[in-house]
Amino acid sequence: MTLRLDADMFDPSCPSSVVPFQIGDKWTGMVVLCLEHGPRRFSELRVPLRTVTPKVLTETLRAMERDGLIARTAYDENPPRVEYALTALGRSLLTLVEAARSWTRENMSELLAARRSHDSRLS
């Protein structure tokens, strides 16, 4: 059996080229979960996402805002206050994120065993 790569498979107009995040992009999925129950400030997002750097979180939030997944609201207060909230489009990702989490729970043992096996061959 020969695998044939269709010339249109990687066409720039293919819908997959505009997917807002990769399955492996852990920060986007985690931000979606953090905003599931309502708006949060940047500093409030940093608490559960303690291992993300401020730079990476800022980049993630900007990309999500650009894709229409979150809304950024700046309040004219002193000190300034900014909140991030899921849009309807962003909320629609909750089903996808839960599916990925469910798959991970169901396959965690096999996944970790495969990693250990692979890593032991490299040693």
PDB file of N, CA and C in Angstrom:
ATOM      1  N   MET A   1       0.841  -1.174   0.000  1.00  0.00           N
ATOM      2  CA  MET A   1       0.000   0.000   0.000  1.00  0.00           C
ATOM      3  C   MET A   1       0.893   1.246   0.000  1.00  0.00           C
ATOM      4  N   THR A   2       0.614   2.153  -0.890  1.00  0.00           N
ATOM      5  CA  THR A   2       1.396   3.372  -1.013  1.00  0.00           C
ATOM      6  C   THR A   2       0.571   4.548  -0.515  1.00  0.00           C
ATOM      7  N   LEU A   3       1.185   5.343   0.332  1.00  0.00           N
ATOM      8  CA  LEU A   3       0.530   6.542   0.826  1.00  0.00           C
ATOM      9  C   LEU A   3       0.746   7.648  -0.192  1.00  0.00           C
ATOM     10  N   ARG A   4      -0.324   8.214  -0.666  1.00  0.00           N
ATOM     11  CA  ARG A   4      -0.256   9.290  -1.637  1.00  0.00           C
ATOM     12  C   ARG A   4      -0.675  10.581  -0.953  1.00  0.00           C
ATOM     13  N   LEU A   5       0.202  11.561  -0.986  1.00  0.00           N
ATOM     14  CA  LEU A   5      -0.137  12.858  -0.425  1.00  0.00           C
ATOM     15  C   LEU A   5      -0.829  13.682  -1.495  1.00  0.00           C
ATOM     16  N   ASP A   6      -2.045  13.996  -1.239  1.00  0.00           N
ATOM     17  CA  ASP A   6      -2.838  14.798  -2.150  1.00  0.00           C
ATOM     18  C   ASP A   6      -2.267  16.212  -2.193  1.00  0.00           C
ATOM     19  N   ALA A   7      -2.138  16.769  -3.376  1.00  0.00           N
ATOM     20  CA  ALA A   7      -1.582  18.112  -3.531  1.00  0.00           C
ATOM     21  C   ALA A   7      -2.416  19.147  -2.785  1.00  0.00           C
ATOM     22  N   ASP A   8      -3.711  18.897  -2.620  1.00  0.00           N
ATOM     23  CA  ASP A   8      -4.588  19.838  -1.937  1.00  0.00           C
ATOM     24  C   ASP A   8      -4.545  19.681  -0.419  1.00  0.00           C
ATOM     25  N   MET A   9      -3.867  18.638   0.053  1.00  0.00           N
ATOM     26  CA  MET A   9      -3.853  18.346   1.478  1.00  0.00           C
ATOM     27  C   MET A   9      -3.320  19.516   2.305  1.00  0.00           C
ATOM     28  N   PHE A  10      -2.330  20.211   1.806  1.00  0.00           N
ATOM     29  CA  PHE A  10      -1.727  21.317   2.547  1.00  0.00           C
ATOM     30  C   PHE A  10      -2.007  22.657   1.872  1.00  0.00           C
ATOM     31  N   ASP A  11      -3.080  22.721   1.133  1.00  0.00           N
ATOM     32  CA  ASP A  11      -3.493  23.935   0.464  1.00  0.00           C
ATOM     33  C   ASP A  11      -3.781  25.021   1.508  1.00  0.00           C
ATOM     34  N   PRO A  12      -3.251  26.239   1.314  1.00  0.00           N
ATOM     35  CA  PRO A  12      -3.491  27.317   2.278  1.00  0.00           C
ATOM     36  C   PRO A  12      -4.972  27.615   2.515  1.00  0.00           C
ATOM     37  N   SER A  13      -5.836  27.281   1.569  1.00  0.00           N
ATOM     38  CA  SER A  13      -7.263  27.544   1.758  1.00  0.00           C
ATOM     39  C   SER A  13      -7.971  26.409   2.499  1.00  0.00           C
ATOM     40  N   CYS A  14      -7.238  25.355   2.843  1.00  0.00           N
ATOM     41  CA  CYS A  14      -7.808  24.233   3.589  1.00  0.00           C
ATOM     42  C   CYS A  14      -8.264  24.731   4.962  1.00  0.00           C
ATOM     43  N   PRO A  15      -9.453  24.331   5.407  1.00  0.00           N
ATOM     44  CA  PRO A  15      -9.938  24.792   6.717  1.00  0.00           C
ATOM     45  C   PRO A  15      -8.993  24.469   7.869  1.00  0.00           C
ATOM     46  N   SER A  16      -8.225  23.412   7.775  1.00  0.00           N
ATOM     47  CA  SER A  16      -7.324  23.062   8.876  1.00  0.00           C
ATOM     48  C   SER A  16      -6.220  24.101   9.072  1.00  0.00           C
ATOM     49  N   SER A  17      -5.963  24.916   8.065  1.00  0.00           N
ATOM     50  CA  SER A  17      -4.906  25.919   8.195  1.00  0.00           C
ATOM     51  C   SER A  17      -5.316  27.087   9.082  1.00  0.00           C
ATOM     52  N   VAL A  18      -6.596  27.204   9.389  1.00  0.00           N
ATOM     53  CA  VAL A  18      -7.038  28.296  10.258  1.00  0.00           C
ATOM     54  C   VAL A  18      -7.456  27.815  11.640  1.00  0.00           C
ATOM     55  N   VAL A  19      -7.219  26.550  11.953  1.00  0.00           N
ATOM     56  CA  VAL A  19      -7.551  26.050  13.282  1.00  0.00           C
ATOM     57  C   VAL A  19      -6.829  26.927  14.298  1.00  0.00           C
ATOM     58  N   PRO A  20      -7.551  27.419  15.319  1.00  0.00           N
ATOM     59  CA  PRO A  20      -6.960  28.401  16.225  1.00  0.00           C
ATOM     60  C   PRO A  20      -5.896  27.863  17.157  1.00  0.00           C
ATOM     61  N   PHE A  21      -5.796  26.557  17.325  1.00  0.00           N
ATOM     62  CA  PHE A  21      -4.733  26.020  18.165  1.00  0.00           C
ATOM     63  C   PHE A  21      -4.501  24.564  17.803  1.00  0.00           C
ATOM     64  N   GLN A  22      -3.313  24.121  18.099  1.00  0.00           N
ATOM     65  CA  GLN A  22      -2.993  22.729  17.862  1.00  0.00           C
ATOM     66  C   GLN A  22      -3.458  21.925  19.059  1.00  0.00           C
ATOM     67  N   ILE A  23      -3.725  20.641  18.840  1.00  0.00           N
ATOM     68  CA  ILE A  23      -4.146  19.786  19.940  1.00  0.00           C
ATOM     69  C   ILE A  23      -3.106  19.817  21.053  1.00  0.00           C
ATOM     70  N   GLY A  24      -1.838  19.928  20.709  1.00  0.00           N
ATOM     71  CA  GLY A  24      -0.780  19.927  21.707  1.00  0.00           C
ATOM     72  C   GLY A  24      -0.525  21.273  22.366  1.00  0.00           C
ATOM     73  N   ASP A  25      -1.243  22.306  21.980  1.00  0.00           N
ATOM     74  CA  ASP A  25      -1.041  23.621  22.577  1.00  0.00           C
ATOM     75  C   ASP A  25      -1.711  23.647  23.942  1.00  0.00           C
ATOM     76  N   LYS A  26      -0.949  23.318  24.966  1.00  0.00           N
ATOM     77  CA  LYS A  26      -1.558  23.165  26.291  1.00  0.00           C
ATOM     78  C   LYS A  26      -2.079  24.465  26.874  1.00  0.00           C
ATOM     79  N   TRP A  27      -1.505  25.579  26.532  1.00  0.00           N
ATOM     80  CA  TRP A  27      -1.929  26.821  27.176  1.00  0.00           C
ATOM     81  C   TRP A  27      -3.298  27.273  26.710  1.00  0.00           C
ATOM     82  N   THR A  28      -3.608  27.163  25.436  1.00  0.00           N
ATOM     83  CA  THR A  28      -4.920  27.590  24.948  1.00  0.00           C
ATOM     84  C   THR A  28      -6.022  26.790  25.624  1.00  0.00           C
ATOM     85  N   GLY A  29      -5.875  25.485  25.649  1.00  0.00           N
ATOM     86  CA  GLY A  29      -6.879  24.643  26.305  1.00  0.00           C
ATOM     87  C   GLY A  29      -7.012  24.959  27.775  1.00  0.00           C
ATOM     88  N   MET A  30      -5.884  25.219  28.434  1.00  0.00           N
ATOM     89  CA  MET A  30      -5.927  25.524  29.860  1.00  0.00           C
ATOM     90  C   MET A  30      -6.563  26.894  30.119  1.00  0.00           C
ATOM     91  N   VAL A  31      -6.307  27.859  29.257  1.00  0.00           N
ATOM     92  CA  VAL A  31      -6.945  29.170  29.417  1.00  0.00           C
ATOM     93  C   VAL A  31      -8.453  29.031  29.230  1.00  0.00           C
ATOM     94  N   VAL A  32      -8.868  28.244  28.246  1.00  0.00           N
ATOM     95  CA  VAL A  32     -10.304  28.003  28.041  1.00  0.00           C
ATOM     96  C   VAL A  32     -10.918  27.458  29.328  1.00  0.00           C
ATOM     97  N   LEU A  33     -10.262  26.483  29.938  1.00  0.00           N
ATOM     98  CA  LEU A  33     -10.780  25.916  31.189  1.00  0.00           C
ATOM     99  C   LEU A  33     -10.786  26.942  32.316  1.00  0.00           C
ATOM    100  N   CYS A  34      -9.761  27.764  32.392  1.00  0.00           N
ATOM    101  CA  CYS A  34      -9.695  28.790  33.444  1.00  0.00           C
ATOM    102  C   CYS A  34     -10.802  29.823  33.311  1.00  0.00           C
ATOM    103  N   LEU A  35     -11.257  30.072  32.100  1.00  0.00           N
ATOM    104  CA  LEU A  35     -12.290  31.080  31.866  1.00  0.00           C
ATOM    105  C   LEU A  35     -13.696  30.490  31.780  1.00  0.00           C
ATOM    106  N   GLU A  36     -13.801  29.185  31.973  1.00  0.00           N
ATOM    107  CA  GLU A  36     -15.091  28.499  31.837  1.00  0.00           C
ATOM    108  C   GLU A  36     -16.173  29.102  32.732  1.00  0.00           C
ATOM    109  N   HIS A  37     -15.813  29.501  33.948  1.00  0.00           N
ATOM    110  CA  HIS A  37     -16.815  29.968  34.907  1.00  0.00           C
ATOM    111  C   HIS A  37     -16.889  31.484  35.030  1.00  0.00           C
ATOM    112  N   GLY A  38     -16.255  32.189  34.104  1.00  0.00           N
ATOM    113  CA  GLY A  38     -16.377  33.644  34.117  1.00  0.00           C
ATOM    114  C   GLY A  38     -15.062  34.346  33.865  1.00  0.00           C
ATOM    115  N   PRO A  39     -15.133  35.673  33.726  1.00  0.00           N
ATOM    116  CA  PRO A  39     -13.947  36.473  33.400  1.00  0.00           C
ATOM    117  C   PRO A  39     -12.895  36.411  34.501  1.00  0.00           C
ATOM    118  N   ARG A  40     -11.655  36.574  34.085  1.00  0.00           N
ATOM    119  CA  ARG A  40     -10.525  36.628  35.023  1.00  0.00           C
ATOM    120  C   ARG A  40      -9.528  37.671  34.551  1.00  0.00           C
ATOM    121  N   ARG A  41      -8.822  38.208  35.521  1.00  0.00           N
ATOM    122  CA  ARG A  41      -7.730  39.127  35.221  1.00  0.00           C
ATOM    123  C   ARG A  41      -6.475  38.317  34.916  1.00  0.00           C
ATOM    124  N   PHE A  42      -5.502  38.983  34.315  1.00  0.00           N
ATOM    125  CA  PHE A  42      -4.231  38.335  33.972  1.00  0.00           C
ATOM    126  C   PHE A  42      -3.617  37.666  35.202  1.00  0.00           C
ATOM    127  N   SER A  43      -3.556  38.399  36.307  1.00  0.00           N
ATOM    128  CA  SER A  43      -2.951  37.855  37.532  1.00  0.00           C
ATOM    129  C   SER A  43      -3.748  36.675  38.076  1.00  0.00           C
ATOM    130  N   GLU A  44      -5.046  36.667  37.852  1.00  0.00           N
ATOM    131  CA  GLU A  44      -5.876  35.541  38.293  1.00  0.00           C
ATOM    132  C   GLU A  44      -5.640  34.313  37.423  1.00  0.00           C
ATOM    133  N   LEU A  45      -5.318  34.519  36.169  1.00  0.00           N
ATOM    134  CA  LEU A  45      -4.984  33.389  35.290  1.00  0.00           C
ATOM    135  C   LEU A  45      -3.634  32.788  35.651  1.00  0.00           C
ATOM    136  N   ARG A  46      -2.728  33.614  36.127  1.00  0.00           N
ATOM    137  CA  ARG A  46      -1.380  33.145  36.472  1.00  0.00           C
ATOM    138  C   ARG A  46      -1.390  32.164  37.642  1.00  0.00           C
ATOM    139  N   VAL A  47      -2.395  32.250  38.519  1.00  0.00           N
ATOM    140  CA  VAL A  47      -2.436  31.371  39.689  1.00  0.00           C
ATOM    141  C   VAL A  47      -2.566  29.904  39.273  1.00  0.00           C
ATOM    142  N   PRO A  48      -3.624  29.514  38.543  1.00  0.00           N
ATOM    143  CA  PRO A  48      -3.706  28.103  38.148  1.00  0.00           C
ATOM    144  C   PRO A  48      -2.687  27.728  37.065  1.00  0.00           C
ATOM    145  N   LEU A  49      -2.250  28.707  36.294  1.00  0.00           N
ATOM    146  CA  LEU A  49      -1.286  28.464  35.215  1.00  0.00           C
ATOM    147  C   LEU A  49       0.110  28.865  35.671  1.00  0.00           C
ATOM    148  N   ARG A  50       0.468  28.482  36.876  1.00  0.00           N
ATOM    149  CA  ARG A  50       1.684  28.977  37.530  1.00  0.00           C
ATOM    150  C   ARG A  50       2.976  28.698  36.779  1.00  0.00           C
ATOM    151  N   THR A  51       2.997  27.707  35.894  1.00  0.00           N
ATOM    152  CA  THR A  51       4.243  27.411  35.185  1.00  0.00           C
ATOM    153  C   THR A  51       4.390  28.166  33.867  1.00  0.00           C
ATOM    154  N   VAL A  52       3.356  28.887  33.448  1.00  0.00           N
ATOM    155  CA  VAL A  52       3.462  29.654  32.206  1.00  0.00           C
ATOM    156  C   VAL A  52       4.164  30.977  32.509  1.00  0.00           C
ATOM    157  N   THR A  53       5.033  31.387  31.602  1.00  0.00           N
ATOM    158  CA  THR A  53       5.696  32.680  31.776  1.00  0.00           C
ATOM    159  C   THR A  53       4.715  33.789  31.386  1.00  0.00           C
ATOM    160  N   PRO A  54       4.891  34.977  31.940  1.00  0.00           N
ATOM    161  CA  PRO A  54       4.016  36.093  31.546  1.00  0.00           C
ATOM    162  C   PRO A  54       4.035  36.338  30.040  1.00  0.00           C
ATOM    163  N   LYS A  55       5.202  36.205  29.430  1.00  0.00           N
ATOM    164  CA  LYS A  55       5.320  36.427  27.980  1.00  0.00           C
ATOM    165  C   LYS A  55       4.472  35.422  27.198  1.00  0.00           C
ATOM    166  N   VAL A  56       4.570  34.157  27.555  1.00  0.00           N
ATOM    167  CA  VAL A  56       3.819  33.123  26.837  1.00  0.00           C
ATOM    168  C   VAL A  56       2.321  33.284  27.085  1.00  0.00           C
ATOM    169  N   LEU A  57       1.933  33.619  28.309  1.00  0.00           N
ATOM    170  CA  LEU A  57       0.513  33.840  28.588  1.00  0.00           C
ATOM    171  C   LEU A  57      -0.009  35.031  27.788  1.00  0.00           C
ATOM    172  N   THR A  58       0.761  36.104  27.721  1.00  0.00           N
ATOM    173  CA  THR A  58       0.363  37.266  26.931  1.00  0.00           C
ATOM    174  C   THR A  58       0.196  36.894  25.460  1.00  0.00           C
ATOM    175  N   GLU A  59       1.151  36.152  24.918  1.00  0.00           N
ATOM    176  CA  GLU A  59       1.066  35.715  23.517  1.00  0.00           C
ATOM    177  C   GLU A  59      -0.160  34.831  23.286  1.00  0.00           C
ATOM    178  N   THR A  60      -0.428  33.938  24.223  1.00  0.00           N
ATOM    179  CA  THR A  60      -1.585  33.045  24.111  1.00  0.00           C
ATOM    180  C   THR A  60      -2.881  33.837  24.133  1.00  0.00           C
ATOM    181  N   LEU A  61      -2.991  34.772  25.065  1.00  0.00           N
ATOM    182  CA  LEU A  61      -4.200  35.585  25.163  1.00  0.00           C
ATOM    183  C   LEU A  61      -4.402  36.438  23.912  1.00  0.00           C
ATOM    184  N   ARG A  62      -3.328  36.995  23.385  1.00  0.00           N
ATOM    185  CA  ARG A  62      -3.446  37.808  22.154  1.00  0.00           C
ATOM    186  C   ARG A  62      -3.902  36.953  20.976  1.00  0.00           C
ATOM    187  N   ALA A  63      -3.330  35.758  20.860  1.00  0.00           N
ATOM    188  CA  ALA A  63      -3.728  34.862  19.768  1.00  0.00           C
ATOM    189  C   ALA A  63      -5.188  34.444  19.914  1.00  0.00           C
ATOM    190  N   MET A  64      -5.602  34.171  21.137  1.00  0.00           N
ATOM    191  CA  MET A  64      -6.993  33.778  21.379  1.00  0.00           C
ATOM    192  C   MET A  64      -7.948  34.935  21.092  1.00  0.00           C
ATOM    193  N   GLU A  65      -7.540  36.146  21.445  1.00  0.00           N
ATOM    194  CA  GLU A  65      -8.366  37.325  21.154  1.00  0.00           C
ATOM    195  C   GLU A  65      -8.471  37.529  19.643  1.00  0.00           C
ATOM    196  N   ARG A  66      -7.355  37.375  18.960  1.00  0.00           N
ATOM    197  CA  ARG A  66      -7.333  37.532  17.497  1.00  0.00           C
ATOM    198  C   ARG A  66      -8.281  36.543  16.830  1.00  0.00           C
ATOM    199  N   ASP A  67      -8.333  35.311  17.378  1.00  0.00           N
ATOM    200  CA  ASP A  67      -9.189  34.269  16.809  1.00  0.00           C
ATOM    201  C   ASP A  67     -10.637  34.368  17.269  1.00  0.00           C
ATOM    202  N   GLY A  68     -10.937  35.356  18.112  1.00  0.00           N
ATOM    203  CA  GLY A  68     -12.312  35.540  18.564  1.00  0.00           C
ATOM    204  C   GLY A  68     -12.733  34.578  19.658  1.00  0.00           C
ATOM    205  N   LEU A  69     -11.763  33.948  20.324  1.00  0.00           N
ATOM    206  CA  LEU A  69     -12.079  32.980  21.371  1.00  0.00           C
ATOM    207  C   LEU A  69     -12.304  33.641  22.721  1.00  0.00           C
ATOM    208  N   ILE A  70     -11.644  34.787  22.925  1.00  0.00           N
ATOM    209  CA  ILE A  70     -11.816  35.531  24.171  1.00  0.00           C
ATOM    210  C   ILE A  70     -12.046  36.997  23.853  1.00  0.00           C
ATOM    211  N   ALA A  71     -12.665  37.665  24.801  1.00  0.00           N
ATOM    212  CA  ALA A  71     -12.843  39.123  24.719  1.00  0.00           C
ATOM    213  C   ALA A  71     -12.000  39.741  25.823  1.00  0.00           C
ATOM    214  N   ARG A  72     -11.292  40.784  25.475  1.00  0.00           N
ATOM    215  CA  ARG A  72     -10.469  41.524  26.433  1.00  0.00           C
ATOM    216  C   ARG A  72     -11.198  42.825  26.731  1.00  0.00           C
ATOM    217  N   THR A  73     -11.489  43.049  28.008  1.00  0.00           N
ATOM    218  CA  THR A  73     -12.180  44.264  28.411  1.00  0.00           C
ATOM    219  C   THR A  73     -11.280  45.066  29.340  1.00  0.00           C
ATOM    220  N   ALA A  74     -10.967  46.287  28.921  1.00  0.00           N
ATOM    221  CA  ALA A  74     -10.150  47.194  29.733  1.00  0.00           C
ATOM    222  C   ALA A  74     -11.085  48.198  30.397  1.00  0.00           C
ATOM    223  N   TYR A  75     -10.989  48.302  31.719  1.00  0.00           N
ATOM    224  CA  TYR A  75     -11.809  49.229  32.482  1.00  0.00           C
ATOM    225  C   TYR A  75     -11.014  50.484  32.783  1.00  0.00           C
ATOM    226  N   ASP A  76     -11.681  51.624  32.643  1.00  0.00           N
ATOM    227  CA  ASP A  76     -11.038  52.912  32.887  1.00  0.00           C
ATOM    228  C   ASP A  76     -11.052  53.195  34.385  1.00  0.00           C
ATOM    229  N   GLU A  77     -10.131  52.557  35.077  1.00  0.00           N
ATOM    230  CA  GLU A  77     -10.029  52.700  36.531  1.00  0.00           C
ATOM    231  C   GLU A  77      -8.586  52.985  36.892  1.00  0.00           C
ATOM    232  N   ASN A  78      -8.385  53.384  38.135  1.00  0.00           N
ATOM    233  CA  ASN A  78      -7.034  53.604  38.621  1.00  0.00           C
ATOM    234  C   ASN A  78      -6.831  52.726  39.846  1.00  0.00           C
ATOM    235  N   PRO A  79      -6.011  51.709  39.799  1.00  0.00           N
ATOM    236  CA  PRO A  79      -5.179  51.291  38.672  1.00  0.00           C
ATOM    237  C   PRO A  79      -6.019  50.629  37.582  1.00  0.00           C
ATOM    238  N   PRO A  80      -5.498  50.610  36.363  1.00  0.00           N
ATOM    239  CA  PRO A  80      -6.232  50.011  35.247  1.00  0.00           C
ATOM    240  C   PRO A  80      -6.535  48.540  35.526  1.00  0.00           C
ATOM    241  N   ARG A  81      -7.687  48.103  35.037  1.00  0.00           N
ATOM    242  CA  ARG A  81      -8.100  46.713  35.215  1.00  0.00           C
ATOM    243  C   ARG A  81      -8.479  46.143  33.856  1.00  0.00           C
ATOM    244  N   VAL A  82      -7.982  44.941  33.561  1.00  0.00           N
ATOM    245  CA  VAL A  82      -8.290  44.257  32.312  1.00  0.00           C
ATOM    246  C   VAL A  82      -8.789  42.864  32.660  1.00  0.00           C
ATOM    247  N   GLU A  83      -9.869  42.458  32.030  1.00  0.00           N
ATOM    248  CA  GLU A  83     -10.411  41.115  32.228  1.00  0.00           C
ATOM    249  C   GLU A  83     -10.512  40.399  30.890  1.00  0.00           C
ATOM    250  N   TYR A  84     -10.388  39.074  30.968  1.00  0.00           N
ATOM    251  CA  TYR A  84     -10.514  38.218  29.799  1.00  0.00           C
ATOM    252  C   TYR A  84     -11.698  37.286  30.031  1.00  0.00           C
ATOM    253  N   ALA A  85     -12.510  37.113  28.996  1.00  0.00           N
ATOM    254  CA  ALA A  85     -13.677  36.243  29.099  1.00  0.00           C
ATOM    255  C   ALA A  85     -13.839  35.462  27.801  1.00  0.00           C
ATOM    256  N   LEU A  86     -14.377  34.270  27.913  1.00  0.00           N
ATOM    257  CA  LEU A  86     -14.658  33.479  26.718  1.00  0.00           C
ATOM    258  C   LEU A  86     -15.790  34.117  25.928  1.00  0.00           C
ATOM    259  N   THR A  87     -15.670  34.098  24.631  1.00  0.00           N
ATOM    260  CA  THR A  87     -16.765  34.482  23.749  1.00  0.00           C
ATOM    261  C   THR A  87     -17.609  33.232  23.520  1.00  0.00           C
ATOM    262  N   ALA A  88     -18.696  33.377  22.799  1.00  0.00           N
ATOM    263  CA  ALA A  88     -19.512  32.206  22.448  1.00  0.00           C
ATOM    264  C   ALA A  88     -18.670  31.210  21.647  1.00  0.00           C
ATOM    265  N   LEU A  89     -17.833  31.735  20.764  1.00  0.00           N
ATOM    266  CA  LEU A  89     -16.959  30.869  19.980  1.00  0.00           C
ATOM    267  C   LEU A  89     -15.973  30.137  20.889  1.00  0.00           C
ATOM    268  N   GLY A  90     -15.410  30.850  21.850  1.00  0.00           N
ATOM    269  CA  GLY A  90     -14.492  30.238  22.799  1.00  0.00           C
ATOM    270  C   GLY A  90     -15.177  29.184  23.649  1.00  0.00           C
ATOM    271  N   ARG A  91     -16.415  29.462  24.073  1.00  0.00           N
ATOM    272  CA  ARG A  91     -17.175  28.486  24.870  1.00  0.00           C
ATOM    273  C   ARG A  91     -17.408  27.199  24.091  1.00  0.00           C
ATOM    274  N   SER A  92     -17.544  27.333  22.785  1.00  0.00           N
ATOM    275  CA  SER A  92     -17.779  26.127  21.982  1.00  0.00           C
ATOM    276  C   SER A  92     -16.577  25.183  22.012  1.00  0.00           C
ATOM    277  N   LEU A  93     -15.412  25.680  22.421  1.00  0.00           N
ATOM    278  CA  LEU A  93     -14.227  24.825  22.538  1.00  0.00           C
ATOM    279  C   LEU A  93     -14.265  23.935  23.777  1.00  0.00           C
ATOM    280  N   LEU A  94     -15.118  24.253  24.747  1.00  0.00           N
ATOM    281  CA  LEU A  94     -15.174  23.462  25.974  1.00  0.00           C
ATOM    282  C   LEU A  94     -15.463  21.983  25.681  1.00  0.00           C
ATOM    283  N   THR A  95     -16.309  21.712  24.701  1.00  0.00           N
ATOM    284  CA  THR A  95     -16.611  20.333  24.322  1.00  0.00           C
ATOM    285  C   THR A  95     -15.372  19.644  23.769  1.00  0.00           C
ATOM    286  N   LEU A  96     -14.632  20.347  22.928  1.00  0.00           N
ATOM    287  CA  LEU A  96     -13.411  19.783  22.349  1.00  0.00           C
ATOM    288  C   LEU A  96     -12.354  19.537  23.425  1.00  0.00           C
ATOM    289  N   VAL A  97     -12.180  20.490  24.327  1.00  0.00           N
ATOM    290  CA  VAL A  97     -11.199  20.352  25.397  1.00  0.00           C
ATOM    291  C   VAL A  97     -11.577  19.171  26.292  1.00  0.00           C
ATOM    292  N   GLU A  98     -12.859  19.037  26.615  1.00  0.00           N
ATOM    293  CA  GLU A  98     -13.290  17.910  27.446  1.00  0.00           C
ATOM    294  C   GLU A  98     -13.078  16.591  26.729  1.00  0.00           C
ATOM    295  N   ALA A  99     -13.280  16.554  25.427  1.00  0.00           N
ATOM    296  CA  ALA A  99     -13.031  15.317  24.664  1.00  0.00           C
ATOM    297  C   ALA A  99     -11.552  14.940  24.741  1.00  0.00           C
ATOM    298  N   ALA A 100     -10.664  15.922  24.617  1.00  0.00           N
ATOM    299  CA  ALA A 100      -9.227  15.648  24.709  1.00  0.00           C
ATOM    300  C   ALA A 100      -8.861  15.172  26.113  1.00  0.00           C
ATOM    301  N   ARG A 101      -9.450  15.776  27.134  1.00  0.00           N
ATOM    302  CA  ARG A 101      -9.180  15.357  28.512  1.00  0.00           C
ATOM    303  C   ARG A 101      -9.687  13.943  28.754  1.00  0.00           C
ATOM    304  N   SER A 102     -10.843  13.639  28.228  1.00  0.00           N
ATOM    305  CA  SER A 102     -11.418  12.302  28.380  1.00  0.00           C
ATOM    306  C   SER A 102     -10.536  11.260  27.692  1.00  0.00           C
ATOM    307  N   TRP A 103     -10.094  11.570  26.472  1.00  0.00           N
ATOM    308  CA  TRP A 103      -9.205  10.659  25.746  1.00  0.00           C
ATOM    309  C   TRP A 103      -7.936  10.412  26.559  1.00  0.00           C
ATOM    310  N   THR A 104      -7.389  11.473  27.131  1.00  0.00           N
ATOM    311  CA  THR A 104      -6.165  11.355  27.924  1.00  0.00           C
ATOM    312  C   THR A 104      -6.392  10.466  29.145  1.00  0.00           C
ATOM    313  N   ARG A 105      -7.504  10.682  29.841  1.00  0.00           N
ATOM    314  CA  ARG A 105      -7.804   9.838  31.010  1.00  0.00           C
ATOM    315  C   ARG A 105      -7.907   8.372  30.612  1.00  0.00           C
ATOM    316  N   GLU A 106      -8.576   8.098  29.512  1.00  0.00           N
ATOM    317  CA  GLU A 106      -8.789   6.722  29.057  1.00  0.00           C
ATOM    318  C   GLU A 106      -7.510   6.058  28.563  1.00  0.00           C
ATOM    319  N   ASN A 107      -6.567   6.833  28.077  1.00  0.00           N
ATOM    320  CA  ASN A 107      -5.369   6.275  27.449  1.00  0.00           C
ATOM    321  C   ASN A 107      -4.069   6.592  28.172  1.00  0.00           C
ATOM    322  N   MET A 108      -4.154   7.168  29.358  1.00  0.00           N
ATOM    323  CA  MET A 108      -2.964   7.616  30.078  1.00  0.00           C
ATOM    324  C   MET A 108      -1.967   6.480  30.311  1.00  0.00           C
ATOM    325  N   SER A 109      -2.424   5.345  30.778  1.00  0.00           N
ATOM    326  CA  SER A 109      -1.510   4.238  31.079  1.00  0.00           C
ATOM    327  C   SER A 109      -0.752   3.795  29.828  1.00  0.00           C
ATOM    328  N   GLU A 110      -1.482   3.629  28.741  1.00  0.00           N
ATOM    329  CA  GLU A 110      -0.858   3.190  27.493  1.00  0.00           C
ATOM    330  C   GLU A 110       0.110   4.252  26.958  1.00  0.00           C
ATOM    331  N   LEU A 111      -0.274   5.491  27.057  1.00  0.00           N
ATOM    332  CA  LEU A 111       0.568   6.590  26.596  1.00  0.00           C
ATOM    333  C   LEU A 111       1.872   6.651  27.390  1.00  0.00           C
ATOM    334  N   LEU A 112       1.771   6.576  28.723  1.00  0.00           N
ATOM    335  CA  LEU A 112       2.966   6.633  29.562  1.00  0.00           C
ATOM    336  C   LEU A 112       3.853   5.408  29.362  1.00  0.00           C
ATOM    337  N   ALA A 113       3.242   4.241  29.178  1.00  0.00           N
ATOM    338  CA  ALA A 113       4.017   3.018  28.921  1.00  0.00           C
ATOM    339  C   ALA A 113       4.777   3.137  27.603  1.00  0.00           C
ATOM    340  N   ALA A 114       4.139   3.700  26.582  1.00  0.00           N
ATOM    341  CA  ALA A 114       4.796   3.879  25.288  1.00  0.00           C
ATOM    342  C   ALA A 114       5.968   4.846  25.420  1.00  0.00           C
ATOM    343  N   ARG A 115       5.793   5.892  26.176  1.00  0.00           N
ATOM    344  CA  ARG A 115       6.888   6.855  26.387  1.00  0.00           C
ATOM    345  C   ARG A 115       8.058   6.203  27.121  1.00  0.00           C
ATOM    346  N   ARG A 116       7.742   5.441  28.176  1.00  0.00           N
ATOM    347  CA  ARG A 116       8.815   4.779  28.930  1.00  0.00           C
ATOM    348  C   ARG A 116       9.567   3.796  28.023  1.00  0.00           C
ATOM    349  N   SER A 117       8.833   3.040  27.232  1.00  0.00           N
ATOM    350  CA  SER A 117       9.456   2.073  26.327  1.00  0.00           C
ATOM    351  C   SER A 117      10.361   2.784  25.325  1.00  0.00           C
ATOM    352  N   HIS A 118       9.860   3.845  24.754  1.00  0.00           N
ATOM    353  CA  HIS A 118      10.638   4.612  23.778  1.00  0.00           C
ATOM    354  C   HIS A 118      11.884   5.198  24.417  1.00  0.00           C
ATOM    355  N   ASP A 119      11.720   5.815  25.581  1.00  0.00           N
ATOM    356  CA  ASP A 119      12.854   6.451  26.259  1.00  0.00           C
ATOM    357  C   ASP A 119      13.902   5.435  26.694  1.00  0.00           C
ATOM    358  N   SER A 120      13.465   4.241  27.091  1.00  0.00           N
ATOM    359  CA  SER A 120      14.434   3.216  27.515  1.00  0.00           C
ATOM    360  C   SER A 120      15.269   2.717  26.322  1.00  0.00           C
ATOM    361  N   ARG A 121      14.690   2.735  25.132  1.00  0.00           N
ATOM    362  CA  ARG A 121      15.443   2.330  23.935  1.00  0.00           C
ATOM    363  C   ARG A 121      16.514   3.365  23.581  1.00  0.00           C
ATOM    364  N   LEU A 122      16.272   4.618  23.948  1.00  0.00           N
ATOM    365  CA  LEU A 122      17.224   5.683  23.646  1.00  0.00           C
ATOM    366  C   LEU A 122      18.393   5.713  24.634  1.00  0.00           C
ATOM    367  N   SER A 123      18.204   5.106  25.803  1.00  0.00           N
ATOM    368  CA  SER A 123      19.247   5.129  26.843  1.00  0.00           C
ATOM    369  C   SER A 123      20.356   4.159  26.565  1.00  0.00           C
TER     370      SER A 123
END
